[in-house]
Amino acid sequence: MTALYYIAGACVIWTVVASILIARDLQKRGIKVSFLWLRVLILKYLSQYQKITREENGRTGPLFYHYVIPINIALVIVIFFIIRGCLL
């Protein structure tokens, strides 16, 4: 069980780093990004990043997946712990 805690924690850290890298990448492309409101606006920035990289390369950029995959893994682990806690 403690391994799941570590995996969830690593996924959260991975997601935070990916969101910062996405914001930095958007800034380099000339899009105004607010780091103060990054937690609130990350979904907007994520969709902008996806749209821009698809227009440039014809496919979604890798940072999109570096955000989406770990956040979903962490979500599944949290749901597992909630269900497990309710059943005990």
PDB file of N, CA and C in Angstrom:
ATOM      1  N   MET A   1       0.813  -1.203   0.000  1.00  0.00           N
ATOM      2  CA  MET A   1       0.000   0.000   0.000  1.00  0.00           C
ATOM      3  C   MET A   1       0.856   1.266   0.000  1.00  0.00           C
ATOM      4  N   THR A   2       1.968   1.232   0.698  1.00  0.00           N
ATOM      5  CA  THR A   2       2.802   2.430   0.715  1.00  0.00           C
ATOM      6  C   THR A   2       3.394   2.717  -0.663  1.00  0.00           C
ATOM      7  N   ALA A   3       3.550   1.666  -1.462  1.00  0.00           N
ATOM      8  CA  ALA A   3       4.060   1.883  -2.816  1.00  0.00           C
ATOM      9  C   ALA A   3       3.076   2.722  -3.627  1.00  0.00           C
ATOM     10  N   LEU A   4       1.787   2.520  -3.406  1.00  0.00           N
ATOM     11  CA  LEU A   4       0.786   3.325  -4.108  1.00  0.00           C
ATOM     12  C   LEU A   4       0.851   4.789  -3.689  1.00  0.00           C
ATOM     13  N   TYR A   5       1.150   5.025  -2.412  1.00  0.00           N
ATOM     14  CA  TYR A   5       1.319   6.411  -1.955  1.00  0.00           C
ATOM     15  C   TYR A   5       2.482   7.077  -2.687  1.00  0.00           C
ATOM     16  N   TYR A   6       3.578   6.347  -2.806  1.00  0.00           N
ATOM     17  CA  TYR A   6       4.744   6.896  -3.492  1.00  0.00           C
ATOM     18  C   TYR A   6       4.469   7.121  -4.978  1.00  0.00           C
ATOM     19  N   ILE A   7       3.761   6.193  -5.598  1.00  0.00           N
ATOM     20  CA  ILE A   7       3.420   6.346  -7.009  1.00  0.00           C
ATOM     21  C   ILE A   7       2.512   7.557  -7.205  1.00  0.00           C
ATOM     22  N   ALA A   8       1.509   7.710  -6.341  1.00  0.00           N
ATOM     23  CA  ALA A   8       0.607   8.861  -6.446  1.00  0.00           C
ATOM     24  C   ALA A   8       1.371  10.168  -6.231  1.00  0.00           C
ATOM     25  N   GLY A   9       2.266  10.192  -5.270  1.00  0.00           N
ATOM     26  CA  GLY A   9       3.070  11.386  -5.024  1.00  0.00           C
ATOM     27  C   GLY A   9       3.974  11.725  -6.195  1.00  0.00           C
ATOM     28  N   ALA A  10       4.584  10.706  -6.770  1.00  0.00           N
ATOM     29  CA  ALA A  10       5.442  10.928  -7.946  1.00  0.00           C
ATOM     30  C   ALA A  10       4.618  11.444  -9.120  1.00  0.00           C
ATOM     31  N   CYS A  11       3.400  10.928  -9.278  1.00  0.00           N
ATOM     32  CA  CYS A  11       2.538  11.390 -10.363  1.00  0.00           C
ATOM     33  C   CYS A  11       2.143  12.855 -10.180  1.00  0.00           C
ATOM     34  N   VAL A  12       1.883  13.243  -8.953  1.00  0.00           N
ATOM     35  CA  VAL A  12       1.525  14.635  -8.681  1.00  0.00           C
ATOM     36  C   VAL A  12       2.705  15.555  -8.996  1.00  0.00           C
ATOM     37  N   ILE A  13       3.894  15.166  -8.566  1.00  0.00           N
ATOM     38  CA  ILE A  13       5.087  15.974  -8.853  1.00  0.00           C
ATOM     39  C   ILE A  13       5.327  16.043 -10.360  1.00  0.00           C
ATOM     40  N   TRP A  14       5.170  14.915 -11.042  1.00  0.00           N
ATOM     41  CA  TRP A  14       5.340  14.849 -12.494  1.00  0.00           C
ATOM     42  C   TRP A  14       4.357  15.789 -13.187  1.00  0.00           C
ATOM     43  N   THR A  15       3.120  15.825 -12.711  1.00  0.00           N
ATOM     44  CA  THR A  15       2.098  16.688 -13.295  1.00  0.00           C
ATOM     45  C   THR A  15       2.427  18.162 -13.084  1.00  0.00           C
ATOM     46  N   VAL A  16       2.896  18.510 -11.903  1.00  0.00           N
ATOM     47  CA  VAL A  16       3.253  19.901 -11.618  1.00  0.00           C
ATOM     48  C   VAL A  16       4.397  20.354 -12.527  1.00  0.00           C
ATOM     49  N   VAL A  17       5.404  19.514 -12.666  1.00  0.00           N
ATOM     50  CA  VAL A  17       6.529  19.851 -13.534  1.00  0.00           C
ATOM     51  C   VAL A  17       6.068  19.997 -14.992  1.00  0.00           C
ATOM     52  N   ALA A  18       5.211  19.088 -15.432  1.00  0.00           N
ATOM     53  CA  ALA A  18       4.695  19.158 -16.804  1.00  0.00           C
ATOM     54  C   ALA A  18       3.889  20.427 -17.030  1.00  0.00           C
ATOM     55  N   SER A  19       3.091  20.836 -16.043  1.00  0.00           N
ATOM     56  CA  SER A  19       2.298  22.060 -16.211  1.00  0.00           C
ATOM     57  C   SER A  19       3.196  23.287 -16.300  1.00  0.00           C
ATOM     58  N   ILE A  20       4.267  23.311 -15.539  1.00  0.00           N
ATOM     59  CA  ILE A  20       5.212  24.427 -15.620  1.00  0.00           C
ATOM     60  C   ILE A  20       5.905  24.441 -16.985  1.00  0.00           C
ATOM     61  N   LEU A  21       6.273  23.276 -17.473  1.00  0.00           N
ATOM     62  CA  LEU A  21       6.922  23.206 -18.787  1.00  0.00           C
ATOM     63  C   LEU A  21       5.969  23.603 -19.912  1.00  0.00           C
ATOM     64  N   ILE A  22       4.701  23.234 -19.790  1.00  0.00           N
ATOM     65  CA  ILE A  22       3.708  23.650 -20.779  1.00  0.00           C
ATOM     66  C   ILE A  22       3.562  25.164 -20.776  1.00  0.00           C
ATOM     67  N   ALA A  23       3.474  25.755 -19.592  1.00  0.00           N
ATOM     68  CA  ALA A  23       3.343  27.208 -19.491  1.00  0.00           C
ATOM     69  C   ALA A  23       4.575  27.901 -20.080  1.00  0.00           C
ATOM     70  N   ARG A  24       5.740  27.366 -19.790  1.00  0.00           N
ATOM     71  CA  ARG A  24       6.970  27.955 -20.325  1.00  0.00           C
ATOM     72  C   ARG A  24       7.018  27.842 -21.850  1.00  0.00           C
ATOM     73  N   ASP A  25       6.588  26.712 -22.376  1.00  0.00           N
ATOM     74  CA  ASP A  25       6.564  26.517 -23.819  1.00  0.00           C
ATOM     75  C   ASP A  25       5.596  27.494 -24.489  1.00  0.00           C
ATOM     76  N   LEU A  26       4.440  27.704 -23.875  1.00  0.00           N
ATOM     77  CA  LEU A  26       3.480  28.664 -24.429  1.00  0.00           C
ATOM     78  C   LEU A  26       4.035  30.083 -24.398  1.00  0.00           C
ATOM     79  N   GLN A  27       4.742  30.408 -23.332  1.00  0.00           N
ATOM     80  CA  GLN A  27       5.362  31.736 -23.250  1.00  0.00           C
ATOM     81  C   GLN A  27       6.380  31.929 -24.374  1.00  0.00           C
ATOM     82  N   LYS A  28       7.168  30.910 -24.648  1.00  0.00           N
ATOM     83  CA  LYS A  28       8.157  30.996 -25.723  1.00  0.00           C
ATOM     84  C   LYS A  28       7.489  31.207 -27.075  1.00  0.00           C
ATOM     85  N   ARG A  29       6.255  30.734 -27.210  1.00  0.00           N
ATOM     86  CA  ARG A  29       5.521  30.877 -28.466  1.00  0.00           C
ATOM     87  C   ARG A  29       4.734  32.187 -28.519  1.00  0.00           C
ATOM     88  N   GLY A  30       4.887  33.023 -27.513  1.00  0.00           N
ATOM     89  CA  GLY A  30       4.276  34.343 -27.529  1.00  0.00           C
ATOM     90  C   GLY A  30       2.898  34.428 -26.889  1.00  0.00           C
ATOM     91  N   ILE A  31       2.478  33.394 -26.197  1.00  0.00           N
ATOM     92  CA  ILE A  31       1.176  33.409 -25.526  1.00  0.00           C
ATOM     93  C   ILE A  31       1.381  33.853 -24.085  1.00  0.00           C
ATOM     94  N   LYS A  32       0.558  34.773 -23.655  1.00  0.00           N
ATOM     95  CA  LYS A  32       0.659  35.298 -22.302  1.00  0.00           C
ATOM     96  C   LYS A  32       0.163  34.245 -21.303  1.00  0.00           C
ATOM     97  N   VAL A  33       1.008  33.933 -20.317  1.00  0.00           N
ATOM     98  CA  VAL A  33       0.693  32.908 -19.325  1.00  0.00           C
ATOM     99  C   VAL A  33       0.834  33.516 -17.932  1.00  0.00           C
ATOM    100  N   SER A  34      -0.140  33.258 -17.093  1.00  0.00           N
ATOM    101  CA  SER A  34      -0.085  33.728 -15.715  1.00  0.00           C
ATOM    102  C   SER A  34       0.338  32.575 -14.807  1.00  0.00           C
ATOM    103  N   PHE A  35       1.565  32.660 -14.273  1.00  0.00           N
ATOM    104  CA  PHE A  35       2.028  31.613 -13.375  1.00  0.00           C
ATOM    105  C   PHE A  35       1.321  31.689 -12.029  1.00  0.00           C
ATOM    106  N   LEU A  36       0.815  32.861 -11.690  1.00  0.00           N
ATOM    107  CA  LEU A  36       0.068  33.013 -10.446  1.00  0.00           C
ATOM    108  C   LEU A  36      -1.226  32.202 -10.476  1.00  0.00           C
ATOM    109  N   TRP A  37      -1.875  32.158 -11.635  1.00  0.00           N
ATOM    110  CA  TRP A  37      -3.143  31.443 -11.791  1.00  0.00           C
ATOM    111  C   TRP A  37      -2.978  30.127 -12.544  1.00  0.00           C
ATOM    112  N   LEU A  38      -1.781  29.578 -12.545  1.00  0.00           N
ATOM    113  CA  LEU A  38      -1.504  28.378 -13.326  1.00  0.00           C
ATOM    114  C   LEU A  38      -2.386  27.202 -12.922  1.00  0.00           C
ATOM    115  N   ARG A  39      -2.593  27.026 -11.627  1.00  0.00           N
ATOM    116  CA  ARG A  39      -3.422  25.902 -11.170  1.00  0.00           C
ATOM    117  C   ARG A  39      -4.858  26.025 -11.647  1.00  0.00           C
ATOM    118  N   VAL A  40      -5.344  27.236 -11.786  1.00  0.00           N
ATOM    119  CA  VAL A  40      -6.727  27.462 -12.211  1.00  0.00           C
ATOM    120  C   VAL A  40      -6.855  27.358 -13.730  1.00  0.00           C
ATOM    121  N   LEU A  41      -5.862  27.859 -14.441  1.00  0.00           N
ATOM    122  CA  LEU A  41      -5.945  27.967 -15.902  1.00  0.00           C
ATOM    123  C   LEU A  41      -5.223  26.858 -16.662  1.00  0.00           C
ATOM    124  N   ILE A  42      -4.745  25.830 -15.977  1.00  0.00           N
ATOM    125  CA  ILE A  42      -3.933  24.818 -16.642  1.00  0.00           C
ATOM    126  C   ILE A  42      -4.711  24.099 -17.744  1.00  0.00           C
ATOM    127  N   LEU A  43      -5.994  23.873 -17.572  1.00  0.00           N
ATOM    128  CA  LEU A  43      -6.755  23.188 -18.620  1.00  0.00           C
ATOM    129  C   LEU A  43      -6.856  24.040 -19.883  1.00  0.00           C
ATOM    130  N   LYS A  44      -6.959  25.350 -19.710  1.00  0.00           N
ATOM    131  CA  LYS A  44      -6.960  26.263 -20.861  1.00  0.00           C
ATOM    132  C   LYS A  44      -5.604  26.206 -21.560  1.00  0.00           C
ATOM    133  N   TYR A  45      -4.536  26.270 -20.783  1.00  0.00           N
ATOM    134  CA  TYR A  45      -3.199  26.225 -21.360  1.00  0.00           C
ATOM    135  C   TYR A  45      -2.925  24.873 -22.013  1.00  0.00           C
ATOM    136  N   LEU A  46      -3.444  23.831 -21.428  1.00  0.00           N
ATOM    137  CA  LEU A  46      -3.265  22.500 -21.987  1.00  0.00           C
ATOM    138  C   LEU A  46      -3.918  22.383 -23.362  1.00  0.00           C
ATOM    139  N   SER A  47      -5.122  22.910 -23.476  1.00  0.00           N
ATOM    140  CA  SER A  47      -5.794  22.852 -24.779  1.00  0.00           C
ATOM    141  C   SER A  47      -5.104  23.760 -25.797  1.00  0.00           C
ATOM    142  N   GLN A  48      -4.594  24.916 -25.350  1.00  0.00           N
ATOM    143  CA  GLN A  48      -3.847  25.782 -26.262  1.00  0.00           C
ATOM    144  C   GLN A  48      -2.578  25.088 -26.746  1.00  0.00           C
ATOM    145  N   TYR A  49      -1.884  24.433 -25.825  1.00  0.00           N
ATOM    146  CA  TYR A  49      -0.664  23.711 -26.194  1.00  0.00           C
ATOM    147  C   TYR A  49      -0.976  22.607 -27.199  1.00  0.00           C
ATOM    148  N   GLN A  50      -2.049  21.875 -26.954  1.00  0.00           N
ATOM    149  CA  GLN A  50      -2.432  20.799 -27.866  1.00  0.00           C
ATOM    150  C   GLN A  50      -2.761  21.346 -29.255  1.00  0.00           C
ATOM    151  N   LYS A  51      -3.515  22.424 -29.297  1.00  0.00           N
ATOM    152  CA  LYS A  51      -3.907  23.006 -30.580  1.00  0.00           C
ATOM    153  C   LYS A  51      -2.688  23.526 -31.350  1.00  0.00           C
ATOM    154  N   ILE A  52      -1.808  24.228 -30.667  1.00  0.00           N
ATOM    155  CA  ILE A  52      -0.625  24.798 -31.321  1.00  0.00           C
ATOM    156  C   ILE A  52       0.295  23.708 -31.845  1.00  0.00           C
ATOM    157  N   THR A  53       0.552  22.685 -31.046  1.00  0.00           N
ATOM    158  CA  THR A  53       1.465  21.637 -31.496  1.00  0.00           C
ATOM    159  C   THR A  53       0.860  20.812 -32.630  1.00  0.00           C
ATOM    160  N   ARG A  54      -0.457  20.646 -32.616  1.00  0.00           N
ATOM    161  CA  ARG A  54      -1.102  19.934 -33.736  1.00  0.00           C
ATOM    162  C   ARG A  54      -1.004  20.726 -35.026  1.00  0.00           C
ATOM    163  N   GLU A  55      -1.140  22.049 -34.924  1.00  0.00           N
ATOM    164  CA  GLU A  55      -1.020  22.886 -36.117  1.00  0.00           C
ATOM    165  C   GLU A  55       0.401  22.879 -36.663  1.00  0.00           C
ATOM    166  N   GLU A  56       1.391  22.854 -35.771  1.00  0.00           N
ATOM    167  CA  GLU A  56       2.787  22.892 -36.202  1.00  0.00           C
ATOM    168  C   GLU A  56       3.282  21.550 -36.733  1.00  0.00           C
ATOM    169  N   ASN A  57       3.008  20.484 -35.993  1.00  0.00           N
ATOM    170  CA  ASN A  57       3.602  19.180 -36.299  1.00  0.00           C
ATOM    171  C   ASN A  57       2.621  18.154 -36.866  1.00  0.00           C
ATOM    172  N   GLY A  58       1.346  18.445 -36.767  1.00  0.00           N
ATOM    173  CA  GLY A  58       0.364  17.471 -37.205  1.00  0.00           C
ATOM    174  C   GLY A  58      -0.006  16.467 -36.130  1.00  0.00           C
ATOM    175  N   ARG A  59       0.605  16.589 -34.951  1.00  0.00           N
ATOM    176  CA  ARG A  59       0.261  15.723 -33.822  1.00  0.00           C
ATOM    177  C   ARG A  59       0.476  16.479 -32.517  1.00  0.00           C
ATOM    178  N   THR A  60      -0.103  15.947 -31.479  1.00  0.00           N
ATOM    179  CA  THR A  60      -0.031  16.602 -30.175  1.00  0.00           C
ATOM    180  C   THR A  60       1.376  16.487 -29.601  1.00  0.00           C
ATOM    181  N   GLY A  61       1.825  17.569 -28.969  1.00  0.00           N
ATOM    182  CA  GLY A  61       3.156  17.585 -28.377  1.00  0.00           C
ATOM    183  C   GLY A  61       3.268  16.662 -27.176  1.00  0.00           C
ATOM    184  N   PRO A  62       4.491  16.252 -26.839  1.00  0.00           N
ATOM    185  CA  PRO A  62       4.688  15.269 -25.769  1.00  0.00           C
ATOM    186  C   PRO A  62       4.326  15.778 -24.373  1.00  0.00           C
ATOM    187  N   LEU A  63       4.423  17.068 -24.144  1.00  0.00           N
ATOM    188  CA  LEU A  63       4.108  17.580 -22.805  1.00  0.00           C
ATOM    189  C   LEU A  63       2.637  17.384 -22.456  1.00  0.00           C
ATOM    190  N   PHE A  64       1.789  17.332 -23.461  1.00  0.00           N
ATOM    191  CA  PHE A  64       0.372  17.071 -23.223  1.00  0.00           C
ATOM    192  C   PHE A  64       0.199  15.734 -22.504  1.00  0.00           C
ATOM    193  N   TYR A  65       0.885  14.718 -23.009  1.00  0.00           N
ATOM    194  CA  TYR A  65       0.783  13.389 -22.407  1.00  0.00           C
ATOM    195  C   TYR A  65       1.511  13.307 -21.075  1.00  0.00           C
ATOM    196  N   HIS A  66       2.552  14.139 -20.913  1.00  0.00           N
ATOM    197  CA  HIS A  66       3.259  14.180 -19.632  1.00  0.00           C
ATOM    198  C   HIS A  66       2.409  14.829 -18.547  1.00  0.00           C
ATOM    199  N   TYR A  67       1.352  15.483 -18.929  1.00  0.00           N
ATOM    200  CA  TYR A  67       0.404  16.027 -17.963  1.00  0.00           C
ATOM    201  C   TYR A  67      -0.770  15.073 -17.758  1.00  0.00           C
ATOM    202  N   VAL A  68      -1.351  14.601 -18.844  1.00  0.00           N
ATOM    203  CA  VAL A  68      -2.596  13.832 -18.788  1.00  0.00           C
ATOM    204  C   VAL A  68      -2.399  12.455 -18.146  1.00  0.00           C
ATOM    205  N   ILE A  69      -1.361  11.754 -18.523  1.00  0.00           N
ATOM    206  CA  ILE A  69      -1.169  10.384 -18.025  1.00  0.00           C
ATOM    207  C   ILE A  69      -0.945  10.340 -16.515  1.00  0.00           C
ATOM    208  N   PRO A  70       0.003  11.102 -15.946  1.00  0.00           N
ATOM    209  CA  PRO A  70       0.203  10.988 -14.493  1.00  0.00           C
ATOM    210  C   PRO A  70      -0.970  11.511 -13.665  1.00  0.00           C
ATOM    211  N   ILE A  71      -1.682  12.524 -14.153  1.00  0.00           N
ATOM    212  CA  ILE A  71      -2.816  13.025 -13.384  1.00  0.00           C
ATOM    213  C   ILE A  71      -3.924  11.977 -13.350  1.00  0.00           C
ATOM    214  N   ASN A  72      -4.090  11.230 -14.428  1.00  0.00           N
ATOM    215  CA  ASN A  72      -5.088  10.168 -14.442  1.00  0.00           C
ATOM    216  C   ASN A  72      -4.669   8.986 -13.571  1.00  0.00           C
ATOM    217  N   ILE A  73      -3.391   8.654 -13.554  1.00  0.00           N
ATOM    218  CA  ILE A  73      -2.909   7.589 -12.676  1.00  0.00           C
ATOM    219  C   ILE A  73      -3.137   7.965 -11.219  1.00  0.00           C
ATOM    220  N   ALA A  74      -2.807   9.198 -10.855  1.00  0.00           N
ATOM    221  CA  ALA A  74      -3.028   9.663  -9.486  1.00  0.00           C
ATOM    222  C   ALA A  74      -4.512   9.638  -9.136  1.00  0.00           C
ATOM    223  N   LEU A  75      -5.358  10.023 -10.079  1.00  0.00           N
ATOM    224  CA  LEU A  75      -6.808  10.004  -9.851  1.00  0.00           C
ATOM    225  C   LEU A  75      -7.311   8.584  -9.599  1.00  0.00           C
ATOM    226  N   VAL A  76      -6.845   7.633 -10.371  1.00  0.00           N
ATOM    227  CA  VAL A  76      -7.252   6.239 -10.183  1.00  0.00           C
ATOM    228  C   VAL A  76      -6.798   5.727  -8.811  1.00  0.00           C
ATOM    229  N   ILE A  77      -5.602   6.079  -8.402  1.00  0.00           N
ATOM    230  CA  ILE A  77      -5.107   5.647  -7.092  1.00  0.00           C
ATOM    231  C   ILE A  77      -5.935   6.266  -5.974  1.00  0.00           C
ATOM    232  N   VAL A  78      -6.270   7.536  -6.094  1.00  0.00           N
ATOM    233  CA  VAL A  78      -7.094   8.194  -5.069  1.00  0.00           C
ATOM    234  C   VAL A  78      -8.482   7.558  -5.009  1.00  0.00           C
ATOM    235  N   ILE A  79      -9.073   7.281  -6.150  1.00  0.00           N
ATOM    236  CA  ILE A  79     -10.381   6.618  -6.163  1.00  0.00           C
ATOM    237  C   ILE A  79     -10.285   5.236  -5.532  1.00  0.00           C
ATOM    238  N   PHE A  80      -9.204   4.524  -5.795  1.00  0.00           N
ATOM    239  CA  PHE A  80      -8.980   3.207  -5.177  1.00  0.00           C
ATOM    240  C   PHE A  80      -8.958   3.338  -3.658  1.00  0.00           C
ATOM    241  N   PHE A  81      -8.225   4.341  -3.130  1.00  0.00           N
ATOM    242  CA  PHE A  81      -8.146   4.503  -1.685  1.00  0.00           C
ATOM    243  C   PHE A  81      -9.482   4.926  -1.087  1.00  0.00           C
ATOM    244  N   ILE A  82     -10.244   5.712  -1.813  1.00  0.00           N
ATOM    245  CA  ILE A  82     -11.573   6.105  -1.329  1.00  0.00           C
ATOM    246  C   ILE A  82     -12.488   4.879  -1.247  1.00  0.00           C
ATOM    247  N   ILE A  83     -12.506   4.088  -2.304  1.00  0.00           N
ATOM    248  CA  ILE A  83     -13.345   2.889  -2.303  1.00  0.00           C
ATOM    249  C   ILE A  83     -12.885   1.912  -1.233  1.00  0.00           C
ATOM    250  N   ARG A  84     -11.588   1.737  -1.095  1.00  0.00           N
ATOM    251  CA  ARG A  84     -11.046   0.833  -0.091  1.00  0.00           C
ATOM    252  C   ARG A  84     -11.378   1.301   1.315  1.00  0.00           C
ATOM    253  N   GLY A  85     -11.345   2.625   1.509  1.00  0.00           N
ATOM    254  CA  GLY A  85     -11.685   3.176   2.820  1.00  0.00           C
ATOM    255  C   GLY A  85     -13.153   3.016   3.156  1.00  0.00           C
ATOM    256  N   CYS A  86     -14.016   3.082   2.154  1.00  0.00           N
ATOM    257  CA  CYS A  86     -15.441   2.925   2.390  1.00  0.00           C
ATOM    258  C   CYS A  86     -15.805   1.485   2.678  1.00  0.00           C
ATOM    259  N   LEU A  87     -15.044   0.550   2.136  1.00  0.00           N
ATOM    260  CA  LEU A  87     -15.370  -0.854   2.317  1.00  0.00           C
ATOM    261  C   LEU A  87     -14.854  -1.406   3.627  1.00  0.00           C
ATOM    262  N   LEU A  88     -13.868  -0.771   4.228  1.00  0.00           N
ATOM    263  CA  LEU A  88     -13.304  -1.282   5.491  1.00  0.00           C
ATOM    264  C   LEU A  88     -14.045  -0.833   6.694  1.00  0.00           C
TER     265      LEU A  88
END
